[in-house]
Amino acid sequence: MSDLPNTDFTQRFIFDNADVRGEMVSLEHSYTEVLTRHTYPAPVAELLGELIAAAALLAGTLKFEGLLILQARSDGPVSMLMVECSNTLEIRGLARYDEALTGMADGLQALMPDGTLAMTIDPTNGQRYQGIVALDGEDLAACFSNYFALSEQLGTRFWLEADGKQARGMLLQQLPAEKLKDADERNDHWHHVLTLGGTLSGEELLALDNETVLHRLYHEEDVRLFDRQAIRFQCSCSRERSARALISLGEDDAQALLMEEGGRVEIDCQFCNQRYLFDAADVAQLFAGGGVDTPSDSRH
């Protein structure tokens, strides 16, 4: 993967003398690629950017092959945020909000009151896993920290920030006790690194490179920063997937839909706004087992 690794990447770091690891994410091109597909008010674009950064941090931290899906829902001004990130760090996202609202307030609780956050791991092989937590934190970073406090044995803390142009994030996580065996010493060090991490402002997270951030926070610690792993925007929609959706309707319903739509079915991708068109010849060929690669003039 080589799509702009200097602006879009995750980067792992570890504390050599303690049982703590971290992950940092920087998103510019991939974030703006998501935003160019839709017109979002600034507060929505920023909230979506934070969720994209969280997905990239988690995909860089979790061991899985398949798809990580983050979905936040509420009955507030923003009804849904959704981000998908593969284990190869291909990412896409979208938001749903009340377009009638103007002067939208900032902040998670104003935009998504009484919401829920679902994290789903959909592996290439194996069983699908989902965990759900209330969106009851001050911001998305607090909600993710709460999620791990409830569902995991190891302490985990998130920092997330986005401004409509770039999205950044940092994660700290305890590791099983190996280097610091004494429980008190282990807890003291964990609270120490969290306290120092808490001094990082959102402005600094957006403005400074990873090396500078880590030096400012942990220059008295032995911290090792690993190579960058590039992230890129990639929508997984395709004409083939759209055709399978039509086939899943059954031939009678697909033909009825074709008639309702005046002889041409349009299937739009919610994520990237790509439109796939199927005319009568396409639909007939699909149900004749001929596949989707037809010569129809309406094909896109």
C-alpha atoms as a PDB file:
ATOM      1  CA  MET A   1       0.000   0.000   0.000  1.00  0.00           C
ATOM      2  CA  SER A   2       1.586   3.273  -1.075  1.00  0.00           C
ATOM      3  CA  ASP A   3      -1.147   5.922  -1.004  1.00  0.00           C
ATOM      4  CA  LEU A   4       0.416   9.027   0.562  1.00  0.00           C
ATOM      5  CA  PRO A   5       2.127   7.338   3.517  1.00  0.00           C
ATOM      6  CA  ASN A   6       3.574  10.695   4.620  1.00  0.00           C
ATOM      7  CA  THR A   7       0.137  12.117   5.415  1.00  0.00           C
ATOM      8  CA  ASP A   8      -2.016   9.055   6.039  1.00  0.00           C
ATOM      9  CA  PHE A   9      -0.660   6.399   8.375  1.00  0.00           C
ATOM     10  CA  THR A  10      -0.760   4.685  11.725  1.00  0.00           C
ATOM     11  CA  GLN A  11       2.388   4.326  13.780  1.00  0.00           C
ATOM     12  CA  ARG A  12       2.954   2.098  16.789  1.00  0.00           C
ATOM     13  CA  PHE A  13       5.183   2.870  19.760  1.00  0.00           C
ATOM     14  CA  ILE A  14       6.118   1.018  22.928  1.00  0.00           C
ATOM     15  CA  PHE A  15       7.631   1.879  26.285  1.00  0.00           C
ATOM     16  CA  ASP A  16      10.760  -0.250  26.545  1.00  0.00           C
ATOM     17  CA  ASN A  17      10.844  -0.286  30.328  1.00  0.00           C
ATOM     18  CA  ALA A  18       7.138  -0.680  31.041  1.00  0.00           C
ATOM     19  CA  ASP A  19       4.150  -2.718  29.892  1.00  0.00           C
ATOM     20  CA  VAL A  20       2.550  -0.007  27.780  1.00  0.00           C
ATOM     21  CA  ARG A  21       2.118   0.355  24.052  1.00  0.00           C
ATOM     22  CA  GLY A  22       0.622   3.085  21.910  1.00  0.00           C
ATOM     23  CA  GLU A  23      -0.643   3.886  18.452  1.00  0.00           C
ATOM     24  CA  MET A  24      -0.872   7.186  16.610  1.00  0.00           C
ATOM     25  CA  VAL A  25      -2.812   7.991  13.459  1.00  0.00           C
ATOM     26  CA  SER A  26      -2.572  10.840  10.958  1.00  0.00           C
ATOM     27  CA  LEU A  27      -5.212  11.300   8.259  1.00  0.00           C
ATOM     28  CA  GLU A  28      -5.373  13.982   5.601  1.00  0.00           C
ATOM     29  CA  HIS A  29      -5.967  12.698   2.071  1.00  0.00           C
ATOM     30  CA  SER A  30      -8.098   9.721   3.126  1.00  0.00           C
ATOM     31  CA  TYR A  31     -10.181  11.942   5.433  1.00  0.00           C
ATOM     32  CA  THR A  32     -10.788  14.575   2.761  1.00  0.00           C
ATOM     33  CA  GLU A  33     -11.653  11.799   0.285  1.00  0.00           C
ATOM     34  CA  VAL A  34     -14.498  10.809   2.616  1.00  0.00           C
ATOM     35  CA  LEU A  35     -15.644  14.418   2.967  1.00  0.00           C
ATOM     36  CA  THR A  36     -15.611  15.196  -0.766  1.00  0.00           C
ATOM     37  CA  ARG A  37     -18.305  12.555  -1.336  1.00  0.00           C
ATOM     38  CA  HIS A  38     -20.823  14.469   0.796  1.00  0.00           C
ATOM     39  CA  THR A  39     -21.406  18.003   2.029  1.00  0.00           C
ATOM     40  CA  TYR A  40     -21.285  17.917   5.811  1.00  0.00           C
ATOM     41  CA  PRO A  41     -21.610  20.835   8.247  1.00  0.00           C
ATOM     42  CA  ALA A  42     -18.337  21.430  10.084  1.00  0.00           C
ATOM     43  CA  PRO A  43     -19.437  19.829  13.393  1.00  0.00           C
ATOM     44  CA  VAL A  44     -20.535  16.673  11.559  1.00  0.00           C
ATOM     45  CA  ALA A  45     -17.334  16.514   9.492  1.00  0.00           C
ATOM     46  CA  GLU A  46     -15.253  16.865  12.644  1.00  0.00           C
ATOM     47  CA  LEU A  47     -17.175  14.189  14.529  1.00  0.00           C
ATOM     48  CA  LEU A  48     -16.899  11.834  11.556  1.00  0.00           C
ATOM     49  CA  GLY A  49     -13.161  12.550  11.383  1.00  0.00           C
ATOM     50  CA  GLU A  50     -12.755  11.532  15.013  1.00  0.00           C
ATOM     51  CA  LEU A  51     -14.557   8.250  14.352  1.00  0.00           C
ATOM     52  CA  ILE A  52     -12.366   7.589  11.299  1.00  0.00           C
ATOM     53  CA  ALA A  53      -9.272   8.208  13.413  1.00  0.00           C
ATOM     54  CA  ALA A  54     -10.603   5.821  16.073  1.00  0.00           C
ATOM     55  CA  ALA A  55     -11.223   3.117  13.471  1.00  0.00           C
ATOM     56  CA  ALA A  56      -7.691   3.458  12.132  1.00  0.00           C
ATOM     57  CA  LEU A  57      -6.226   3.262  15.659  1.00  0.00           C
ATOM     58  CA  LEU A  58      -8.234   0.145  16.430  1.00  0.00           C
ATOM     59  CA  ALA A  59      -7.417  -1.530  13.120  1.00  0.00           C
ATOM     60  CA  GLY A  60      -3.746  -0.882  13.805  1.00  0.00           C
ATOM     61  CA  THR A  61      -4.059  -2.366  17.296  1.00  0.00           C
ATOM     62  CA  LEU A  62      -6.426  -5.329  16.946  1.00  0.00           C
ATOM     63  CA  LYS A  63      -5.340  -8.616  15.447  1.00  0.00           C
ATOM     64  CA  PHE A  64      -7.918  -9.612  12.833  1.00  0.00           C
ATOM     65  CA  GLU A  65      -8.376 -10.262   9.143  1.00  0.00           C
ATOM     66  CA  GLY A  66     -11.522  -8.771   7.727  1.00  0.00           C
ATOM     67  CA  LEU A  67     -13.487  -5.642   8.441  1.00  0.00           C
ATOM     68  CA  LEU A  68     -13.820  -3.403  11.492  1.00  0.00           C
ATOM     69  CA  ILE A  69     -17.123  -1.490  11.556  1.00  0.00           C
ATOM     70  CA  LEU A  70     -17.847   1.397  13.918  1.00  0.00           C
ATOM     71  CA  GLN A  71     -21.406   2.679  14.009  1.00  0.00           C
ATOM     72  CA  ALA A  72     -22.782   5.409  16.259  1.00  0.00           C
ATOM     73  CA  ARG A  73     -26.541   6.048  16.332  1.00  0.00           C
ATOM     74  CA  SER A  74     -28.793   8.537  18.087  1.00  0.00           C
ATOM     75  CA  ASP A  75     -32.135  10.321  17.818  1.00  0.00           C
ATOM     76  CA  GLY A  76     -30.347  13.678  17.875  1.00  0.00           C
ATOM     77  CA  PRO A  77     -29.275  16.006  15.036  1.00  0.00           C
ATOM     78  CA  VAL A  78     -26.739  13.414  13.875  1.00  0.00           C
ATOM     79  CA  SER A  79     -28.611  10.127  13.513  1.00  0.00           C
ATOM     80  CA  MET A  80     -25.686   7.981  12.373  1.00  0.00           C
ATOM     81  CA  LEU A  81     -21.942   7.872  11.909  1.00  0.00           C
ATOM     82  CA  MET A  82     -20.442   4.813  10.245  1.00  0.00           C
ATOM     83  CA  VAL A  83     -16.840   3.930   9.447  1.00  0.00           C
ATOM     84  CA  GLU A  84     -15.429   0.747   7.973  1.00  0.00           C
ATOM     85  CA  CYS A  85     -11.718  -0.105   8.078  1.00  0.00           C
ATOM     86  CA  SER A  86     -10.097  -3.278   6.799  1.00  0.00           C
ATOM     87  CA  ASN A  87      -7.127  -5.000   8.371  1.00  0.00           C
ATOM     88  CA  THR A  88      -5.121  -3.660   5.397  1.00  0.00           C
ATOM     89  CA  LEU A  89      -6.080  -0.118   6.479  1.00  0.00           C
ATOM     90  CA  GLU A  90      -8.480   0.709   3.663  1.00  0.00           C
ATOM     91  CA  ILE A  91     -11.090   3.031   5.111  1.00  0.00           C
ATOM     92  CA  ARG A  92     -14.435   4.632   4.246  1.00  0.00           C
ATOM     93  CA  GLY A  93     -17.097   6.474   6.223  1.00  0.00           C
ATOM     94  CA  LEU A  94     -20.346   8.426   6.146  1.00  0.00           C
ATOM     95  CA  ALA A  95     -22.707  10.425   8.343  1.00  0.00           C
ATOM     96  CA  ARG A  96     -26.464  10.926   8.429  1.00  0.00           C
ATOM     97  CA  TYR A  97     -27.819  14.137   9.937  1.00  0.00           C
ATOM     98  CA  ASP A  98     -30.873  16.373   9.935  1.00  0.00           C
ATOM     99  CA  GLU A  99     -30.287  18.647   6.950  1.00  0.00           C
ATOM    100  CA  ALA A 100     -33.059  20.984   8.108  1.00  0.00           C
ATOM    101  CA  LEU A 101     -30.951  22.068  11.061  1.00  0.00           C
ATOM    102  CA  THR A 102     -28.770  25.140  10.783  1.00  0.00           C
ATOM    103  CA  GLY A 103     -26.320  26.557  13.279  1.00  0.00           C
ATOM    104  CA  MET A 104     -25.657  23.048  14.516  1.00  0.00           C
ATOM    105  CA  ALA A 105     -24.098  22.944  17.962  1.00  0.00           C
ATOM    106  CA  ASP A 106     -20.677  21.433  18.562  1.00  0.00           C
ATOM    107  CA  GLY A 107     -19.941  18.484  20.780  1.00  0.00           C
ATOM    108  CA  LEU A 108     -20.912  14.842  20.947  1.00  0.00           C
ATOM    109  CA  GLN A 109     -23.702  15.220  23.502  1.00  0.00           C
ATOM    110  CA  ALA A 110     -25.332  18.073  21.567  1.00  0.00           C
ATOM    111  CA  LEU A 111     -25.171  16.215  18.262  1.00  0.00           C
ATOM    112  CA  MET A 112     -25.842  12.639  19.396  1.00  0.00           C
ATOM    113  CA  PRO A 113     -27.658  12.679  22.762  1.00  0.00           C
ATOM    114  CA  ASP A 114     -28.544   9.313  24.290  1.00  0.00           C
ATOM    115  CA  GLY A 115     -26.694   7.542  21.493  1.00  0.00           C
ATOM    116  CA  THR A 116     -25.029   4.158  21.265  1.00  0.00           C
ATOM    117  CA  LEU A 117     -21.728   3.036  19.780  1.00  0.00           C
ATOM    118  CA  ALA A 118     -21.359  -0.415  18.225  1.00  0.00           C
ATOM    119  CA  MET A 119     -17.997  -1.935  17.336  1.00  0.00           C
ATOM    120  CA  THR A 120     -18.194  -4.933  15.028  1.00  0.00           C
ATOM    121  CA  ILE A 121     -15.405  -7.187  13.827  1.00  0.00           C
ATOM    122  CA  ASP A 122     -16.479  -9.058  10.709  1.00  0.00           C
ATOM    123  CA  PRO A 123     -13.664 -11.538  10.065  1.00  0.00           C
ATOM    124  CA  THR A 124     -12.865 -13.060   6.700  1.00  0.00           C
ATOM    125  CA  ASN A 125     -13.079 -16.423   8.439  1.00  0.00           C
ATOM    126  CA  GLY A 126     -14.744 -17.043  11.753  1.00  0.00           C
ATOM    127  CA  GLN A 127     -17.542 -15.627  13.839  1.00  0.00           C
ATOM    128  CA  ARG A 128     -18.715 -12.035  13.743  1.00  0.00           C
ATOM    129  CA  TYR A 129     -18.277 -10.159  17.037  1.00  0.00           C
ATOM    130  CA  GLN A 130     -20.073  -7.025  18.212  1.00  0.00           C
ATOM    131  CA  GLY A 131     -19.879  -4.930  21.336  1.00  0.00           C
ATOM    132  CA  ILE A 132     -22.146  -1.993  22.191  1.00  0.00           C
ATOM    133  CA  VAL A 133     -21.682   0.865  24.645  1.00  0.00           C
ATOM    134  CA  ALA A 134     -23.607   4.052  25.407  1.00  0.00           C
ATOM    135  CA  LEU A 135     -22.347   7.323  23.933  1.00  0.00           C
ATOM    136  CA  ASP A 136     -22.285   8.819  27.402  1.00  0.00           C
ATOM    137  CA  GLY A 137     -18.812  10.361  27.400  1.00  0.00           C
ATOM    138  CA  GLU A 138     -17.916  13.999  26.935  1.00  0.00           C
ATOM    139  CA  ASP A 139     -16.523  13.142  23.497  1.00  0.00           C
ATOM    140  CA  LEU A 140     -15.849  10.114  21.288  1.00  0.00           C
ATOM    141  CA  ALA A 141     -12.425   9.576  22.842  1.00  0.00           C
ATOM    142  CA  ALA A 142     -14.025   9.210  26.271  1.00  0.00           C
ATOM    143  CA  CYS A 143     -16.649   6.826  24.866  1.00  0.00           C
ATOM    144  CA  PHE A 144     -13.992   4.543  23.398  1.00  0.00           C
ATOM    145  CA  SER A 145     -12.003   4.659  26.624  1.00  0.00           C
ATOM    146  CA  ASN A 146     -15.185   3.692  28.490  1.00  0.00           C
ATOM    147  CA  TYR A 147     -15.869   0.887  26.015  1.00  0.00           C
ATOM    148  CA  PHE A 148     -12.513  -0.724  26.745  1.00  0.00           C
ATOM    149  CA  ALA A 149     -12.871  -0.156  30.480  1.00  0.00           C
ATOM    150  CA  LEU A 150     -16.095  -2.167  30.373  1.00  0.00           C
ATOM    151  CA  SER A 151     -15.080  -4.887  27.920  1.00  0.00           C
ATOM    152  CA  GLU A 152     -11.345  -5.425  28.363  1.00  0.00           C
ATOM    153  CA  GLN A 153      -9.049  -6.239  31.250  1.00  0.00           C
ATOM    154  CA  LEU A 154      -6.257  -3.942  30.042  1.00  0.00           C
ATOM    155  CA  GLY A 155      -6.436  -0.189  30.505  1.00  0.00           C
ATOM    156  CA  THR A 156      -6.872   1.784  27.271  1.00  0.00           C
ATOM    157  CA  ARG A 157      -7.122   5.529  26.642  1.00  0.00           C
ATOM    158  CA  PHE A 158      -7.928   7.436  23.443  1.00  0.00           C
ATOM    159  CA  TRP A 159      -7.243  10.972  22.210  1.00  0.00           C
ATOM    160  CA  LEU A 160      -9.081  12.043  19.031  1.00  0.00           C
ATOM    161  CA  GLU A 161      -9.168  15.312  17.118  1.00  0.00           C
ATOM    162  CA  ALA A 162     -10.368  16.479  13.677  1.00  0.00           C
ATOM    163  CA  ASP A 163     -10.867  19.882  12.056  1.00  0.00           C
ATOM    164  CA  GLY A 164     -12.341  19.100   8.631  1.00  0.00           C
ATOM    165  CA  LYS A 165      -8.906  19.023   6.980  1.00  0.00           C
ATOM    166  CA  GLN A 166      -7.057  16.444   9.023  1.00  0.00           C
ATOM    167  CA  ALA A 167      -7.859  13.902  11.705  1.00  0.00           C
ATOM    168  CA  ARG A 168      -5.425  12.720  14.330  1.00  0.00           C
ATOM    169  CA  GLY A 169      -5.520  10.292  17.193  1.00  0.00           C
ATOM    170  CA  MET A 170      -3.452   8.624  19.891  1.00  0.00           C
ATOM    171  CA  LEU A 171      -4.076   5.474  21.889  1.00  0.00           C
ATOM    172  CA  LEU A 172      -2.322   4.162  24.987  1.00  0.00           C
ATOM    173  CA  GLN A 173      -2.870   0.622  26.215  1.00  0.00           C
ATOM    174  CA  GLN A 174      -1.550  -1.465  29.053  1.00  0.00           C
ATOM    175  CA  LEU A 175       0.074  -4.771  28.207  1.00  0.00           C
ATOM    176  CA  PRO A 176       0.136  -7.911  30.381  1.00  0.00           C
ATOM    177  CA  ALA A 177       2.552  -7.578  33.288  1.00  0.00           C
ATOM    178  CA  GLU A 178       6.037  -8.638  32.214  1.00  0.00           C
ATOM    179  CA  LYS A 179       8.441  -5.763  32.780  1.00  0.00           C
ATOM    180  CA  LEU A 180       6.761  -4.331  35.868  1.00  0.00           C
ATOM    181  CA  LYS A 181       5.620  -7.229  38.013  1.00  0.00           C
ATOM    182  CA  ASP A 182       4.760  -5.251  41.130  1.00  0.00           C
ATOM    183  CA  ALA A 183       1.082  -4.238  40.947  1.00  0.00           C
ATOM    184  CA  ASP A 184       1.565  -0.880  42.664  1.00  0.00           C
ATOM    185  CA  GLU A 185       4.536   0.027  40.493  1.00  0.00           C
ATOM    186  CA  ARG A 186       2.604  -1.021  37.397  1.00  0.00           C
ATOM    187  CA  ASN A 187      -0.436   1.068  38.316  1.00  0.00           C
ATOM    188  CA  ASP A 188       1.681   4.071  39.272  1.00  0.00           C
ATOM    189  CA  HIS A 189       3.428   4.035  35.909  1.00  0.00           C
ATOM    190  CA  TRP A 190       0.158   3.657  34.015  1.00  0.00           C
ATOM    191  CA  HIS A 191      -1.363   6.647  35.807  1.00  0.00           C
ATOM    192  CA  HIS A 192       1.860   8.565  35.169  1.00  0.00           C
ATOM    193  CA  VAL A 193       1.748   8.053  31.387  1.00  0.00           C
ATOM    194  CA  LEU A 194      -1.975   8.866  31.344  1.00  0.00           C
ATOM    195  CA  THR A 195      -1.413  12.073  33.292  1.00  0.00           C
ATOM    196  CA  LEU A 196       1.286  13.169  30.864  1.00  0.00           C
ATOM    197  CA  GLY A 197      -0.913  12.184  27.917  1.00  0.00           C
ATOM    198  CA  GLY A 198      -3.677  14.318  29.371  1.00  0.00           C
ATOM    199  CA  THR A 199      -1.513  17.411  28.946  1.00  0.00           C
ATOM    200  CA  LEU A 200      -1.674  17.015  25.147  1.00  0.00           C
ATOM    201  CA  SER A 201      -4.034  19.593  23.672  1.00  0.00           C
ATOM    202  CA  GLY A 202      -6.145  19.051  20.591  1.00  0.00           C
ATOM    203  CA  GLU A 203      -4.227  21.832  18.840  1.00  0.00           C
ATOM    204  CA  GLU A 204      -0.913  20.099  19.544  1.00  0.00           C
ATOM    205  CA  LEU A 205      -2.228  16.747  18.346  1.00  0.00           C
ATOM    206  CA  LEU A 206      -3.239  18.308  15.013  1.00  0.00           C
ATOM    207  CA  ALA A 207      -0.157  20.460  14.566  1.00  0.00           C
ATOM    208  CA  LEU A 208       2.784  18.329  15.714  1.00  0.00           C
ATOM    209  CA  ASP A 209       4.374  15.244  14.165  1.00  0.00           C
ATOM    210  CA  ASN A 210       4.464  12.002  16.116  1.00  0.00           C
ATOM    211  CA  GLU A 211       8.108  12.273  17.117  1.00  0.00           C
ATOM    212  CA  THR A 212       7.567  15.747  18.571  1.00  0.00           C
ATOM    213  CA  VAL A 213       4.406  14.694  20.429  1.00  0.00           C
ATOM    214  CA  LEU A 214       6.117  11.712  22.023  1.00  0.00           C
ATOM    215  CA  HIS A 215       9.205  13.735  22.928  1.00  0.00           C
ATOM    216  CA  ARG A 216       7.104  16.445  24.574  1.00  0.00           C
ATOM    217  CA  LEU A 217       5.101  13.946  26.573  1.00  0.00           C
ATOM    218  CA  TYR A 218       7.593  11.199  27.350  1.00  0.00           C
ATOM    219  CA  HIS A 219      11.124  12.527  26.930  1.00  0.00           C
ATOM    220  CA  GLU A 220      12.068  10.986  30.287  1.00  0.00           C
ATOM    221  CA  GLU A 221      10.848   7.538  29.140  1.00  0.00           C
ATOM    222  CA  ASP A 222      12.423   5.043  26.760  1.00  0.00           C
ATOM    223  CA  VAL A 223       9.905   5.094  23.927  1.00  0.00           C
ATOM    224  CA  ARG A 224      10.452   3.246  20.668  1.00  0.00           C
ATOM    225  CA  LEU A 225       8.555   4.388  17.559  1.00  0.00           C
ATOM    226  CA  PHE A 226       7.958   1.848  14.788  1.00  0.00           C
ATOM    227  CA  ASP A 227       7.560   2.234  11.040  1.00  0.00           C
ATOM    228  CA  ARG A 228       4.496   3.880   9.568  1.00  0.00           C
ATOM    229  CA  GLN A 229       1.668   1.797   8.120  1.00  0.00           C
ATOM    230  CA  ALA A 230      -0.061   3.602   5.267  1.00  0.00           C
ATOM    231  CA  ILE A 231      -3.830   4.169   5.228  1.00  0.00           C
ATOM    232  CA  ARG A 232      -5.922   4.982   2.184  1.00  0.00           C
ATOM    233  CA  PHE A 233      -9.513   5.712   1.329  1.00  0.00           C
ATOM    234  CA  GLN A 234     -11.051   2.822  -0.570  1.00  0.00           C
ATOM    235  CA  CYS A 235     -14.724   2.134  -1.082  1.00  0.00           C
ATOM    236  CA  SER A 236     -15.586  -1.541  -1.372  1.00  0.00           C
ATOM    237  CA  CYS A 237     -18.664  -0.959  -3.522  1.00  0.00           C
ATOM    238  CA  SER A 238     -18.707  -2.494  -6.990  1.00  0.00           C
ATOM    239  CA  ARG A 239     -21.027  -3.316  -9.852  1.00  0.00           C
ATOM    240  CA  GLU A 240     -20.774  -6.963  -8.808  1.00  0.00           C
ATOM    241  CA  ARG A 241     -21.987  -6.215  -5.266  1.00  0.00           C
ATOM    242  CA  SER A 242     -24.856  -4.141  -6.608  1.00  0.00           C
ATOM    243  CA  ALA A 243     -25.798  -6.977  -8.944  1.00  0.00           C
ATOM    244  CA  ARG A 244     -25.822  -9.430  -6.041  1.00  0.00           C
ATOM    245  CA  ALA A 245     -28.190  -7.089  -4.196  1.00  0.00           C
ATOM    246  CA  LEU A 246     -30.533  -7.198  -7.184  1.00  0.00           C
ATOM    247  CA  ILE A 247     -30.294 -10.970  -7.416  1.00  0.00           C
ATOM    248  CA  SER A 248     -31.107 -11.260  -3.716  1.00  0.00           C
ATOM    249  CA  LEU A 249     -34.483  -9.641  -4.421  1.00  0.00           C
ATOM    250  CA  GLY A 250     -35.510 -12.539  -6.630  1.00  0.00           C
ATOM    251  CA  GLU A 251     -36.344 -12.290 -10.322  1.00  0.00           C
ATOM    252  CA  ASP A 252     -40.004 -11.287  -9.904  1.00  0.00           C
ATOM    253  CA  ASP A 253     -39.236  -8.434  -7.517  1.00  0.00           C
ATOM    254  CA  ALA A 254     -36.260  -7.293  -9.587  1.00  0.00           C
ATOM    255  CA  GLN A 255     -38.422  -7.149 -12.702  1.00  0.00           C
ATOM    256  CA  ALA A 256     -41.125  -5.276 -10.780  1.00  0.00           C
ATOM    257  CA  LEU A 257     -38.548  -2.777  -9.562  1.00  0.00           C
ATOM    258  CA  LEU A 258     -37.303  -2.362 -13.120  1.00  0.00           C
ATOM    259  CA  MET A 259     -40.810  -1.480 -14.279  1.00  0.00           C
ATOM    260  CA  GLU A 260     -41.363   0.917 -11.369  1.00  0.00           C
ATOM    261  CA  GLU A 261     -38.144   2.730 -12.214  1.00  0.00           C
ATOM    262  CA  GLY A 262     -39.014   3.159 -15.882  1.00  0.00           C
ATOM    263  CA  GLY A 263     -36.769   0.453 -17.262  1.00  0.00           C
ATOM    264  CA  ARG A 264     -33.556   1.298 -15.434  1.00  0.00           C
ATOM    265  CA  VAL A 265     -32.612   0.496 -11.823  1.00  0.00           C
ATOM    266  CA  GLU A 266     -30.171   2.855 -10.137  1.00  0.00           C
ATOM    267  CA  ILE A 267     -28.193   1.608  -7.126  1.00  0.00           C
ATOM    268  CA  ASP A 268     -26.188   4.274  -5.300  1.00  0.00           C
ATOM    269  CA  CYS A 269     -23.366   3.626  -2.852  1.00  0.00           C
ATOM    270  CA  GLN A 270     -24.083   5.501   0.383  1.00  0.00           C
ATOM    271  CA  PHE A 271     -20.378   5.881   1.104  1.00  0.00           C
ATOM    272  CA  CYS A 272     -18.904   7.217  -2.137  1.00  0.00           C
ATOM    273  CA  ASN A 273     -22.002   8.178  -4.197  1.00  0.00           C
ATOM    274  CA  GLN A 274     -20.967   5.913  -7.062  1.00  0.00           C
ATOM    275  CA  ARG A 275     -24.048   5.007  -9.111  1.00  0.00           C
ATOM    276  CA  TYR A 276     -24.555   1.622 -10.763  1.00  0.00           C
ATOM    277  CA  LEU A 277     -27.194   1.347 -13.485  1.00  0.00           C
ATOM    278  CA  PHE A 278     -28.992  -1.820 -14.594  1.00  0.00           C
ATOM    279  CA  ASP A 279     -31.387  -1.883 -17.558  1.00  0.00           C
ATOM    280  CA  ALA A 280     -33.705  -4.673 -18.742  1.00  0.00           C
ATOM    281  CA  ALA A 281     -30.914  -6.431 -20.623  1.00  0.00           C
ATOM    282  CA  ASP A 282     -28.677  -6.357 -17.549  1.00  0.00           C
ATOM    283  CA  VAL A 283     -31.374  -7.770 -15.276  1.00  0.00           C
ATOM    284  CA  ALA A 284     -32.279 -10.494 -17.744  1.00  0.00           C
ATOM    285  CA  GLN A 285     -28.633 -11.507 -18.035  1.00  0.00           C
ATOM    286  CA  LEU A 286     -28.204 -11.563 -14.247  1.00  0.00           C
ATOM    287  CA  PHE A 287     -31.006 -14.060 -13.779  1.00  0.00           C
ATOM    288  CA  ALA A 288     -29.886 -16.074 -16.794  1.00  0.00           C
ATOM    289  CA  GLY A 289     -26.594 -16.659 -14.975  1.00  0.00           C
ATOM    290  CA  GLY A 290     -24.624 -14.465 -17.340  1.00  0.00           C
ATOM    291  CA  GLY A 291     -23.022 -12.325 -14.683  1.00  0.00           C
ATOM    292  CA  VAL A 292     -22.757  -8.541 -14.593  1.00  0.00           C
ATOM    293  CA  ASP A 293     -20.290  -7.841 -17.379  1.00  0.00           C
ATOM    294  CA  THR A 294     -22.819  -6.882 -20.018  1.00  0.00           C
ATOM    295  CA  PRO A 295     -22.495  -4.486 -22.960  1.00  0.00           C
ATOM    296  CA  SER A 296     -25.406  -2.335 -21.777  1.00  0.00           C
ATOM    297  CA  ASP A 297     -25.021   1.372 -22.550  1.00  0.00           C
ATOM    298  CA  SER A 298     -26.267   2.231 -19.042  1.00  0.00           C
ATOM    299  CA  ARG A 299     -23.476   0.364 -17.297  1.00  0.00           C
ATOM    300  CA  HIS A 300     -21.210   2.383 -14.963  1.00  0.00           C
END
